Amino acid sequence: ERNGGNDATDCEVGAGTSKKNRPTSANANAVKLSCELLRVFVTE
């Protein structure tokens, strides 16, 4: 927003909202997998 949003995602056209305006979210399984990856990384 500070940089004026002049990146390639501004040019995308989709049904409904643009990618820029959609809230970012994560699937519960993706978060669990991220936790496991982080655990393995730190343990190693």
ModelCIF file with pLDDT and N, C-alpha, C, O atoms, coordinates in Angstrom:
data_MODEL
#
_entry.id   MODEL 
#
_entity.id                         1 
_entity.type                       polymer 
_entity.pdbx_number_of_molecules   1 
#
_entity_poly.entity_id                      1 
_entity_poly.type                           'polypeptide(L)' 
_entity_poly.nstd_linkage                   no 
_entity_poly.nstd_monomer                   no 
_entity_poly.pdbx_seq_one_letter_code       ERNGGNDATDCEVGAGTSKKNRPTSANANAVKLSCELLRVFVTE 
_entity_poly.pdbx_seq_one_letter_code_can   ERNGGNDATDCEVGAGTSKKNRPTSANANAVKLSCELLRVFVTE 
_entity_poly.pdbx_strand_id                 A 
#
loop_
_entity_poly_seq.entity_id 
_entity_poly_seq.num 
_entity_poly_seq.mon_id 
_entity_poly_seq.hetero 
1 1  GLU n 
1 2  ARG n 
1 3  ASN n 
1 4  GLY n 
1 5  GLY n 
1 6  ASN n 
1 7  ASP n 
1 8  ALA n 
1 9  THR n 
1 10 ASP n 
1 11 CYS n 
1 12 GLU n 
1 13 VAL n 
1 14 GLY n 
1 15 ALA n 
1 16 GLY n 
1 17 THR n 
1 18 SER n 
1 19 LYS n 
1 20 LYS n 
1 21 ASN n 
1 22 ARG n 
1 23 PRO n 
1 24 THR n 
1 25 SER n 
1 26 ALA n 
1 27 ASN n 
1 28 ALA n 
1 29 ASN n 
1 30 ALA n 
1 31 VAL n 
1 32 LYS n 
1 33 LEU n 
1 34 SER n 
1 35 CYS n 
1 36 GLU n 
1 37 LEU n 
1 38 LEU n 
1 39 ARG n 
1 40 VAL n 
1 41 PHE n 
1 42 VAL n 
1 43 THR n 
1 44 GLU n 
#
_struct_asym.id          A 
_struct_asym.entity_id   1 
#
loop_
_ma_qa_metric.id 
_ma_qa_metric.mode 
_ma_qa_metric.name 
_ma_qa_metric.software_group_id 
_ma_qa_metric.type 
1 global pLDDT . pLDDT 
2 local  pLDDT . pLDDT 
#
_ma_qa_metric_global.metric_id      1 
_ma_qa_metric_global.metric_value   74.86 
_ma_qa_metric_global.model_id       1 
_ma_qa_metric_global.ordinal_id     1 
#
loop_
_ma_qa_metric_local.label_asym_id 
_ma_qa_metric_local.label_comp_id 
_ma_qa_metric_local.label_seq_id 
_ma_qa_metric_local.metric_id 
_ma_qa_metric_local.metric_value 
_ma_qa_metric_local.model_id 
_ma_qa_metric_local.ordinal_id 
A GLU 1  2 86.00 1 1  
A ARG 2  2 88.00 1 2  
A ASN 3  2 87.00 1 3  
A GLY 4  2 79.00 1 4  
A GLY 5  2 61.00 1 5  
A ASN 6  2 57.00 1 6  
A ASP 7  2 53.00 1 7  
A ALA 8  2 50.00 1 8  
A THR 9  2 50.00 1 9  
A ASP 10 2 47.00 1 10 
A CYS 11 2 47.00 1 11 
A GLU 12 2 47.00 1 12 
A VAL 13 2 46.00 1 13 
A GLY 14 2 49.00 1 14 
A ALA 15 2 51.00 1 15 
A GLY 16 2 53.00 1 16 
A THR 17 2 54.00 1 17 
A SER 18 2 60.00 1 18 
A LYS 19 2 60.00 1 19 
A LYS 20 2 61.00 1 20 
A ASN 21 2 62.00 1 21 
A ARG 22 2 64.00 1 22 
A PRO 23 2 69.00 1 23 
A THR 24 2 75.00 1 24 
A SER 25 2 79.00 1 25 
A ALA 26 2 82.00 1 26 
A ASN 27 2 88.00 1 27 
A ALA 28 2 89.00 1 28 
A ASN 29 2 92.00 1 29 
A ALA 30 2 92.00 1 30 
A VAL 31 2 93.00 1 31 
A LYS 32 2 93.00 1 32 
A LEU 33 2 93.00 1 33 
A SER 34 2 93.00 1 34 
A CYS 35 2 94.00 1 35 
A GLU 36 2 94.00 1 36 
A LEU 37 2 93.00 1 37 
A LEU 38 2 94.00 1 38 
A ARG 39 2 95.00 1 39 
A VAL 40 2 94.00 1 40 
A PHE 41 2 95.00 1 41 
A VAL 42 2 94.00 1 42 
A THR 43 2 95.00 1 43 
A GLU 44 2 96.00 1 44 
#
loop_
_atom_site.group_PDB 
_atom_site.id 
_atom_site.type_symbol 
_atom_site.label_atom_id 
_atom_site.label_alt_id 
_atom_site.label_comp_id 
_atom_site.label_asym_id 
_atom_site.label_entity_id 
_atom_site.label_seq_id 
_atom_site.pdbx_PDB_ins_code 
_atom_site.Cartn_x 
_atom_site.Cartn_y 
_atom_site.Cartn_z 
_atom_site.occupancy 
_atom_site.B_iso_or_equiv 
_atom_site.pdbx_formal_charge 
_atom_site.auth_seq_id 
_atom_site.auth_comp_id 
_atom_site.auth_asym_id 
_atom_site.auth_atom_id 
_atom_site.pdbx_PDB_model_num 
ATOM 1   N N  . GLU A 1 1  ? 0.831   -1.206  0.000   1.00 86.00 ? 1  GLU A N  1 
ATOM 2   C CA . GLU A 1 1  ? 0.000   0.000   0.000   1.00 86.00 ? 1  GLU A CA 1 
ATOM 3   C C  . GLU A 1 1  ? 0.866   1.258   0.000   1.00 86.00 ? 1  GLU A C  1 
ATOM 4   O O  . GLU A 1 1  ? 0.577   2.219   -0.713  1.00 86.00 ? 1  GLU A O  1 
ATOM 5   N N  . ARG A 1 2  ? 1.930   1.244   0.806   1.00 88.00 ? 2  ARG A N  1 
ATOM 6   C CA . ARG A 1 2  ? 2.846   2.393   0.863   1.00 88.00 ? 2  ARG A CA 1 
ATOM 7   C C  . ARG A 1 2  ? 3.570   2.605   -0.455  1.00 88.00 ? 2  ARG A C  1 
ATOM 8   O O  . ARG A 1 2  ? 3.817   3.741   -0.860  1.00 88.00 ? 2  ARG A O  1 
ATOM 9   N N  . ASN A 1 3  ? 3.908   1.511   -1.123  1.00 87.00 ? 3  ASN A N  1 
ATOM 10  C CA . ASN A 1 3  ? 4.650   1.594   -2.381  1.00 87.00 ? 3  ASN A CA 1 
ATOM 11  C C  . ASN A 1 3  ? 3.730   1.844   -3.573  1.00 87.00 ? 3  ASN A C  1 
ATOM 12  O O  . ASN A 1 3  ? 4.187   1.831   -4.716  1.00 87.00 ? 3  ASN A O  1 
ATOM 13  N N  . GLY A 1 4  ? 2.497   2.062   -3.332  1.00 79.00 ? 4  GLY A N  1 
ATOM 14  C CA . GLY A 1 4  ? 1.555   2.354   -4.406  1.00 79.00 ? 4  GLY A CA 1 
ATOM 15  C C  . GLY A 1 4  ? 0.972   1.130   -5.072  1.00 79.00 ? 4  GLY A C  1 
ATOM 16  O O  . GLY A 1 4  ? 0.153   1.258   -5.982  1.00 79.00 ? 4  GLY A O  1 
ATOM 17  N N  . GLY A 1 5  ? 1.370   -0.046  -4.646  1.00 61.00 ? 5  GLY A N  1 
ATOM 18  C CA . GLY A 1 5  ? 0.794   -1.281  -5.186  1.00 61.00 ? 5  GLY A CA 1 
ATOM 19  C C  . GLY A 1 5  ? 1.067   -1.468  -6.663  1.00 61.00 ? 5  GLY A C  1 
ATOM 20  O O  . GLY A 1 5  ? 0.194   -1.940  -7.391  1.00 61.00 ? 5  GLY A O  1 
ATOM 21  N N  . ASN A 1 6  ? 2.253   -1.111  -7.127  1.00 57.00 ? 6  ASN A N  1 
ATOM 22  C CA . ASN A 1 6  ? 2.580   -1.221  -8.554  1.00 57.00 ? 6  ASN A CA 1 
ATOM 23  C C  . ASN A 1 6  ? 3.254   -2.537  -8.894  1.00 57.00 ? 6  ASN A C  1 
ATOM 24  O O  . ASN A 1 6  ? 4.245   -2.555  -9.625  1.00 57.00 ? 6  ASN A O  1 
ATOM 25  N N  . ASP A 1 7  ? 2.737   -3.625  -8.380  1.00 53.00 ? 7  ASP A N  1 
ATOM 26  C CA . ASP A 1 7  ? 3.309   -4.924  -8.751  1.00 53.00 ? 7  ASP A CA 1 
ATOM 27  C C  . ASP A 1 7  ? 2.381   -5.654  -9.713  1.00 53.00 ? 7  ASP A C  1 
ATOM 28  O O  . ASP A 1 7  ? 1.294   -5.175  -10.035 1.00 53.00 ? 7  ASP A O  1 
ATOM 29  N N  . ALA A 1 8  ? 2.823   -6.806  -10.158 1.00 50.00 ? 8  ALA A N  1 
ATOM 30  C CA . ALA A 1 8  ? 2.100   -7.533  -11.206 1.00 50.00 ? 8  ALA A CA 1 
ATOM 31  C C  . ALA A 1 8  ? 0.727   -8.007  -10.758 1.00 50.00 ? 8  ALA A C  1 
ATOM 32  O O  . ALA A 1 8  ? -0.144  -8.227  -11.601 1.00 50.00 ? 8  ALA A O  1 
ATOM 33  N N  . THR A 1 9  ? 0.507   -8.169  -9.471  1.00 50.00 ? 9  THR A N  1 
ATOM 34  C CA . THR A 1 9  ? -0.790  -8.682  -9.018  1.00 50.00 ? 9  THR A CA 1 
ATOM 35  C C  . THR A 1 9  ? -1.901  -7.669  -9.239  1.00 50.00 ? 9  THR A C  1 
ATOM 36  O O  . THR A 1 9  ? -3.073  -8.042  -9.254  1.00 50.00 ? 9  THR A O  1 
ATOM 37  N N  . ASP A 1 10 ? -1.558  -6.383  -9.412  1.00 47.00 ? 10 ASP A N  1 
ATOM 38  C CA . ASP A 1 10 ? -2.579  -5.366  -9.653  1.00 47.00 ? 10 ASP A CA 1 
ATOM 39  C C  . ASP A 1 10 ? -3.265  -5.561  -11.000 1.00 47.00 ? 10 ASP A C  1 
ATOM 40  O O  . ASP A 1 10 ? -4.413  -5.152  -11.177 1.00 47.00 ? 10 ASP A O  1 
ATOM 41  N N  . CYS A 1 11 ? -2.579  -6.173  -11.935 1.00 47.00 ? 11 CYS A N  1 
ATOM 42  C CA . CYS A 1 11 ? -3.099  -6.315  -13.285 1.00 47.00 ? 11 CYS A CA 1 
ATOM 43  C C  . CYS A 1 11 ? -4.019  -7.522  -13.445 1.00 47.00 ? 11 CYS A C  1 
ATOM 44  O O  . CYS A 1 11 ? -4.680  -7.665  -14.473 1.00 47.00 ? 11 CYS A O  1 
ATOM 45  N N  . GLU A 1 12 ? -4.065  -8.388  -12.439 1.00 47.00 ? 12 GLU A N  1 
ATOM 46  C CA . GLU A 1 12 ? -4.889  -9.585  -12.550 1.00 47.00 ? 12 GLU A CA 1 
ATOM 47  C C  . GLU A 1 12 ? -6.363  -9.217  -12.498 1.00 47.00 ? 12 GLU A C  1 
ATOM 48  O O  . GLU A 1 12 ? -6.798  -8.400  -11.686 1.00 47.00 ? 12 GLU A O  1 
ATOM 49  N N  . VAL A 1 13 ? -7.104  -9.839  -13.380 1.00 46.00 ? 13 VAL A N  1 
ATOM 50  C CA . VAL A 1 13 ? -8.544  -9.612  -13.409 1.00 46.00 ? 13 VAL A CA 1 
ATOM 51  C C  . VAL A 1 13 ? -9.218  -10.928 -13.069 1.00 46.00 ? 13 VAL A C  1 
ATOM 52  O O  . VAL A 1 13 ? -8.916  -11.961 -13.666 1.00 46.00 ? 13 VAL A O  1 
ATOM 53  N N  . GLY A 1 14 ? -10.137 -10.889 -12.106 1.00 49.00 ? 14 GLY A N  1 
ATOM 54  C CA . GLY A 1 14 ? -10.810 -12.121 -11.708 1.00 49.00 ? 14 GLY A CA 1 
ATOM 55  C C  . GLY A 1 14 ? -12.266 -11.847 -11.442 1.00 49.00 ? 14 GLY A C  1 
ATOM 56  O O  . GLY A 1 14 ? -12.699 -10.694 -11.423 1.00 49.00 ? 14 GLY A O  1 
ATOM 57  N N  . ALA A 1 15 ? -13.012 -12.893 -11.238 1.00 51.00 ? 15 ALA A N  1 
ATOM 58  C CA . ALA A 1 15 ? -14.425 -12.745 -10.907 1.00 51.00 ? 15 ALA A CA 1 
ATOM 59  C C  . ALA A 1 15 ? -14.528 -12.351 -9.442  1.00 51.00 ? 15 ALA A C  1 
ATOM 60  O O  . ALA A 1 15 ? -14.129 -13.116 -8.564  1.00 51.00 ? 15 ALA A O  1 
ATOM 61  N N  . GLY A 1 16 ? -15.046 -11.194 -9.176  1.00 53.00 ? 16 GLY A N  1 
ATOM 62  C CA . GLY A 1 16 ? -15.187 -10.744 -7.790  1.00 53.00 ? 16 GLY A CA 1 
ATOM 63  C C  . GLY A 1 16 ? -14.111 -9.761  -7.420  1.00 53.00 ? 16 GLY A C  1 
ATOM 64  O O  . GLY A 1 16 ? -14.038 -8.669  -7.984  1.00 53.00 ? 16 GLY A O  1 
ATOM 65  N N  . THR A 1 17 ? -13.278 -10.137 -6.479  1.00 54.00 ? 17 THR A N  1 
ATOM 66  C CA . THR A 1 17 ? -12.259 -9.219  -5.988  1.00 54.00 ? 17 THR A CA 1 
ATOM 67  C C  . THR A 1 17 ? -10.916 -9.509  -6.636  1.00 54.00 ? 17 THR A C  1 
ATOM 68  O O  . THR A 1 17 ? -10.651 -10.622 -7.092  1.00 54.00 ? 17 THR A O  1 
ATOM 69  N N  . SER A 1 18 ? -10.080 -8.488  -6.668  1.00 60.00 ? 18 SER A N  1 
ATOM 70  C CA . SER A 1 18 ? -8.729  -8.689  -7.188  1.00 60.00 ? 18 SER A CA 1 
ATOM 71  C C  . SER A 1 18 ? -7.897  -9.413  -6.138  1.00 60.00 ? 18 SER A C  1 
ATOM 72  O O  . SER A 1 18 ? -8.264  -9.448  -4.963  1.00 60.00 ? 18 SER A O  1 
ATOM 73  N N  . LYS A 1 19 ? -6.793  -9.982  -6.557  1.00 60.00 ? 19 LYS A N  1 
ATOM 74  C CA . LYS A 1 19 ? -5.917  -10.693 -5.636  1.00 60.00 ? 19 LYS A CA 1 
ATOM 75  C C  . LYS A 1 19 ? -5.396  -9.743  -4.561  1.00 60.00 ? 19 LYS A C  1 
ATOM 76  O O  . LYS A 1 19 ? -5.193  -10.141 -3.414  1.00 60.00 ? 19 LYS A O  1 
ATOM 77  N N  . LYS A 1 20 ? -5.187  -8.508  -4.934  1.00 61.00 ? 20 LYS A N  1 
ATOM 78  C CA . LYS A 1 20 ? -4.667  -7.509  -4.009  1.00 61.00 ? 20 LYS A CA 1 
ATOM 79  C C  . LYS A 1 20 ? -5.636  -7.254  -2.857  1.00 61.00 ? 20 LYS A C  1 
ATOM 80  O O  . LYS A 1 20 ? -5.197  -7.031  -1.728  1.00 61.00 ? 20 LYS A O  1 
ATOM 81  N N  . ASN A 1 21 ? -6.923  -7.283  -3.114  1.00 62.00 ? 21 ASN A N  1 
ATOM 82  C CA . ASN A 1 21 ? -7.912  -6.944  -2.101  1.00 62.00 ? 21 ASN A CA 1 
ATOM 83  C C  . ASN A 1 21 ? -8.423  -8.139  -1.300  1.00 62.00 ? 21 ASN A C  1 
ATOM 84  O O  . ASN A 1 21 ? -9.111  -7.951  -0.296  1.00 62.00 ? 21 ASN A O  1 
ATOM 85  N N  . ARG A 1 22 ? -8.106  -9.356  -1.718  1.00 64.00 ? 22 ARG A N  1 
ATOM 86  C CA . ARG A 1 22 ? -8.559  -10.540 -0.988  1.00 64.00 ? 22 ARG A CA 1 
ATOM 87  C C  . ARG A 1 22 ? -7.746  -10.716 0.284   1.00 64.00 ? 22 ARG A C  1 
ATOM 88  O O  . ARG A 1 22 ? -6.529  -10.529 0.265   1.00 64.00 ? 22 ARG A O  1 
ATOM 89  N N  . PRO A 1 23 ? -8.389  -11.070 1.384   1.00 69.00 ? 23 PRO A N  1 
ATOM 90  C CA . PRO A 1 23 ? -7.620  -11.336 2.608   1.00 69.00 ? 23 PRO A CA 1 
ATOM 91  C C  . PRO A 1 23 ? -6.834  -12.647 2.450   1.00 69.00 ? 23 PRO A C  1 
ATOM 92  O O  . PRO A 1 23 ? -7.328  -13.614 1.869   1.00 69.00 ? 23 PRO A O  1 
ATOM 93  N N  . THR A 1 24 ? -5.627  -12.658 2.967   1.00 75.00 ? 24 THR A N  1 
ATOM 94  C CA . THR A 1 24 ? -4.811  -13.858 2.909   1.00 75.00 ? 24 THR A CA 1 
ATOM 95  C C  . THR A 1 24 ? -5.203  -14.758 4.070   1.00 75.00 ? 24 THR A C  1 
ATOM 96  O O  . THR A 1 24 ? -5.379  -14.293 5.196   1.00 75.00 ? 24 THR A O  1 
ATOM 97  N N  . SER A 1 25 ? -5.337  -16.041 3.792   1.00 79.00 ? 25 SER A N  1 
ATOM 98  C CA . SER A 1 25 ? -5.705  -16.981 4.841   1.00 79.00 ? 25 SER A CA 1 
ATOM 99  C C  . SER A 1 25 ? -4.945  -18.282 4.634   1.00 79.00 ? 25 SER A C  1 
ATOM 100 O O  . SER A 1 25 ? -4.330  -18.501 3.591   1.00 79.00 ? 25 SER A O  1 
ATOM 101 N N  . ALA A 1 26 ? -4.996  -19.136 5.642   1.00 82.00 ? 26 ALA A N  1 
ATOM 102 C CA . ALA A 1 26 ? -4.318  -20.430 5.549   1.00 82.00 ? 26 ALA A CA 1 
ATOM 103 C C  . ALA A 1 26 ? -5.267  -21.527 6.005   1.00 82.00 ? 26 ALA A C  1 
ATOM 104 O O  . ALA A 1 26 ? -5.987  -21.382 6.993   1.00 82.00 ? 26 ALA A O  1 
ATOM 105 N N  . ASN A 1 27 ? -5.249  -22.605 5.276   1.00 88.00 ? 27 ASN A N  1 
ATOM 106 C CA . ASN A 1 27 ? -6.010  -23.797 5.626   1.00 88.00 ? 27 ASN A CA 1 
ATOM 107 C C  . ASN A 1 27 ? -5.438  -24.377 6.927   1.00 88.00 ? 27 ASN A C  1 
ATOM 108 O O  . ASN A 1 27 ? -4.229  -24.310 7.148   1.00 88.00 ? 27 ASN A O  1 
ATOM 109 N N  . ALA A 1 28 ? -6.274  -24.933 7.770   1.00 89.00 ? 28 ALA A N  1 
ATOM 110 C CA . ALA A 1 28 ? -5.821  -25.500 9.047   1.00 89.00 ? 28 ALA A CA 1 
ATOM 111 C C  . ALA A 1 28 ? -4.769  -26.593 8.840   1.00 89.00 ? 28 ALA A C  1 
ATOM 112 O O  . ALA A 1 28 ? -3.817  -26.702 9.612   1.00 89.00 ? 28 ALA A O  1 
ATOM 113 N N  . ASN A 1 29 ? -4.950  -27.393 7.800   1.00 92.00 ? 29 ASN A N  1 
ATOM 114 C CA . ASN A 1 29 ? -3.965  -28.446 7.519   1.00 92.00 ? 29 ASN A CA 1 
ATOM 115 C C  . ASN A 1 29 ? -2.626  -27.851 7.085   1.00 92.00 ? 29 ASN A C  1 
ATOM 116 O O  . ASN A 1 29 ? -1.573  -28.398 7.412   1.00 92.00 ? 29 ASN A O  1 
ATOM 117 N N  . ALA A 1 30 ? -2.657  -26.744 6.358   1.00 92.00 ? 30 ALA A N  1 
ATOM 118 C CA . ALA A 1 30 ? -1.425  -26.086 5.942   1.00 92.00 ? 30 ALA A CA 1 
ATOM 119 C C  . ALA A 1 30 ? -0.678  -25.527 7.152   1.00 92.00 ? 30 ALA A C  1 
ATOM 120 O O  . ALA A 1 30 ? 0.550   -25.577 7.207   1.00 92.00 ? 30 ALA A O  1 
ATOM 121 N N  . VAL A 1 31 ? -1.413  -25.004 8.104   1.00 93.00 ? 31 VAL A N  1 
ATOM 122 C CA . VAL A 1 31 ? -0.781  -24.480 9.322   1.00 93.00 ? 31 VAL A CA 1 
ATOM 123 C C  . VAL A 1 31 ? -0.168  -25.625 10.122  1.00 93.00 ? 31 VAL A C  1 
ATOM 124 O O  . VAL A 1 31 ? 0.942   -25.492 10.637  1.00 93.00 ? 31 VAL A O  1 
ATOM 125 N N  . LYS A 1 32 ? -0.879  -26.751 10.234  1.00 93.00 ? 32 LYS A N  1 
ATOM 126 C CA . LYS A 1 32 ? -0.333  -27.908 10.945  1.00 93.00 ? 32 LYS A CA 1 
ATOM 127 C C  . LYS A 1 32 ? 0.932   -28.418 10.270  1.00 93.00 ? 32 LYS A C  1 
ATOM 128 O O  . LYS A 1 32 ? 1.908   -28.757 10.940  1.00 93.00 ? 32 LYS A O  1 
ATOM 129 N N  . LEU A 1 33 ? 0.913   -28.472 8.954   1.00 93.00 ? 33 LEU A N  1 
ATOM 130 C CA . LEU A 1 33 ? 2.080   -28.914 8.211   1.00 93.00 ? 33 LEU A CA 1 
ATOM 131 C C  . LEU A 1 33 ? 3.248   -27.944 8.404   1.00 93.00 ? 33 LEU A C  1 
ATOM 132 O O  . LEU A 1 33 ? 4.397   -28.368 8.532   1.00 93.00 ? 33 LEU A O  1 
ATOM 133 N N  . SER A 1 34 ? 2.952   -26.652 8.423   1.00 93.00 ? 34 SER A N  1 
ATOM 134 C CA . SER A 1 34 ? 3.995   -25.647 8.670   1.00 93.00 ? 34 SER A CA 1 
ATOM 135 C C  . SER A 1 34 ? 4.606   -25.835 10.054  1.00 93.00 ? 34 SER A C  1 
ATOM 136 O O  . SER A 1 34 ? 5.818   -25.701 10.220  1.00 93.00 ? 34 SER A O  1 
ATOM 137 N N  . CYS A 1 35 ? 3.775   -26.145 11.049  1.00 94.00 ? 35 CYS A N  1 
ATOM 138 C CA . CYS A 1 35 ? 4.263   -26.410 12.403  1.00 94.00 ? 35 CYS A CA 1 
ATOM 139 C C  . CYS A 1 35 ? 5.199   -27.609 12.422  1.00 94.00 ? 35 CYS A C  1 
ATOM 140 O O  . CYS A 1 35 ? 6.249   -27.573 13.062  1.00 94.00 ? 35 CYS A O  1 
ATOM 141 N N  . GLU A 1 36 ? 4.825   -28.653 11.731  1.00 94.00 ? 36 GLU A N  1 
ATOM 142 C CA . GLU A 1 36 ? 5.657   -29.856 11.692  1.00 94.00 ? 36 GLU A CA 1 
ATOM 143 C C  . GLU A 1 36 ? 6.978   -29.585 10.967  1.00 94.00 ? 36 GLU A C  1 
ATOM 144 O O  . GLU A 1 36 ? 8.032   -30.035 11.417  1.00 94.00 ? 36 GLU A O  1 
ATOM 145 N N  . LEU A 1 37 ? 6.931   -28.864 9.865   1.00 93.00 ? 37 LEU A N  1 
ATOM 146 C CA . LEU A 1 37 ? 8.156   -28.520 9.140   1.00 93.00 ? 37 LEU A CA 1 
ATOM 147 C C  . LEU A 1 37 ? 9.082   -27.680 10.010  1.00 93.00 ? 37 LEU A C  1 
ATOM 148 O O  . LEU A 1 37 ? 10.292  -27.906 10.031  1.00 93.00 ? 37 LEU A O  1 
ATOM 149 N N  . LEU A 1 38 ? 8.525   -26.726 10.717  1.00 94.00 ? 38 LEU A N  1 
ATOM 150 C CA . LEU A 1 38 ? 9.318   -25.885 11.606  1.00 94.00 ? 38 LEU A CA 1 
ATOM 151 C C  . LEU A 1 38 ? 9.931   -26.713 12.733  1.00 94.00 ? 38 LEU A C  1 
ATOM 152 O O  . LEU A 1 38 ? 11.086  -26.502 13.100  1.00 94.00 ? 38 LEU A O  1 
ATOM 153 N N  . ARG A 1 39 ? 9.161   -27.654 13.283  1.00 95.00 ? 39 ARG A N  1 
ATOM 154 C CA . ARG A 1 39 ? 9.678   -28.525 14.346  1.00 95.00 ? 39 ARG A CA 1 
ATOM 155 C C  . ARG A 1 39 ? 10.856  -29.362 13.853  1.00 95.00 ? 39 ARG A C  1 
ATOM 156 O O  . ARG A 1 39 ? 11.875  -29.474 14.534  1.00 95.00 ? 39 ARG A O  1 
ATOM 157 N N  . VAL A 1 40 ? 10.710  -29.944 12.671  1.00 94.00 ? 40 VAL A N  1 
ATOM 158 C CA . VAL A 1 40 ? 11.779  -30.773 12.104  1.00 94.00 ? 40 VAL A CA 1 
ATOM 159 C C  . VAL A 1 40 ? 13.016  -29.912 11.814  1.00 94.00 ? 40 VAL A C  1 
ATOM 160 O O  . VAL A 1 40 ? 14.143  -30.334 12.069  1.00 94.00 ? 40 VAL A O  1 
ATOM 161 N N  . PHE A 1 41 ? 12.800  -28.718 11.284  1.00 95.00 ? 41 PHE A N  1 
ATOM 162 C CA . PHE A 1 41 ? 13.904  -27.813 10.967  1.00 95.00 ? 41 PHE A CA 1 
ATOM 163 C C  . PHE A 1 41 ? 14.683  -27.441 12.228  1.00 95.00 ? 41 PHE A C  1 
ATOM 164 O O  . PHE A 1 41 ? 15.912  -27.511 12.241  1.00 95.00 ? 41 PHE A O  1 
ATOM 165 N N  . VAL A 1 42 ? 13.976  -27.049 13.282  1.00 94.00 ? 42 VAL A N  1 
ATOM 166 C CA . VAL A 1 42 ? 14.632  -26.642 14.526  1.00 94.00 ? 42 VAL A CA 1 
ATOM 167 C C  . VAL A 1 42 ? 15.343  -27.829 15.173  1.00 94.00 ? 42 VAL A C  1 
ATOM 168 O O  . VAL A 1 42 ? 16.464  -27.689 15.662  1.00 94.00 ? 42 VAL A O  1 
ATOM 169 N N  . THR A 1 43 ? 14.699  -28.991 15.178  1.00 95.00 ? 43 THR A N  1 
ATOM 170 C CA . THR A 1 43 ? 15.320  -30.190 15.753  1.00 95.00 ? 43 THR A CA 1 
ATOM 171 C C  . THR A 1 43 ? 16.610  -30.533 15.024  1.00 95.00 ? 43 THR A C  1 
ATOM 172 O O  . THR A 1 43 ? 17.624  -30.836 15.654  1.00 95.00 ? 43 THR A O  1 
ATOM 173 N N  . GLU A 1 44 ? 16.572  -30.486 13.716  1.00 96.00 ? 44 GLU A N  1 
ATOM 174 C CA . GLU A 1 44 ? 17.766  -30.793 12.923  1.00 96.00 ? 44 GLU A CA 1 
ATOM 175 C C  . GLU A 1 44 ? 18.872  -29.767 13.174  1.00 96.00 ? 44 GLU A C  1 
ATOM 176 O O  . GLU A 1 44 ? 19.951  -29.868 12.591  1.00 96.00 ? 44 GLU A O  1 
#
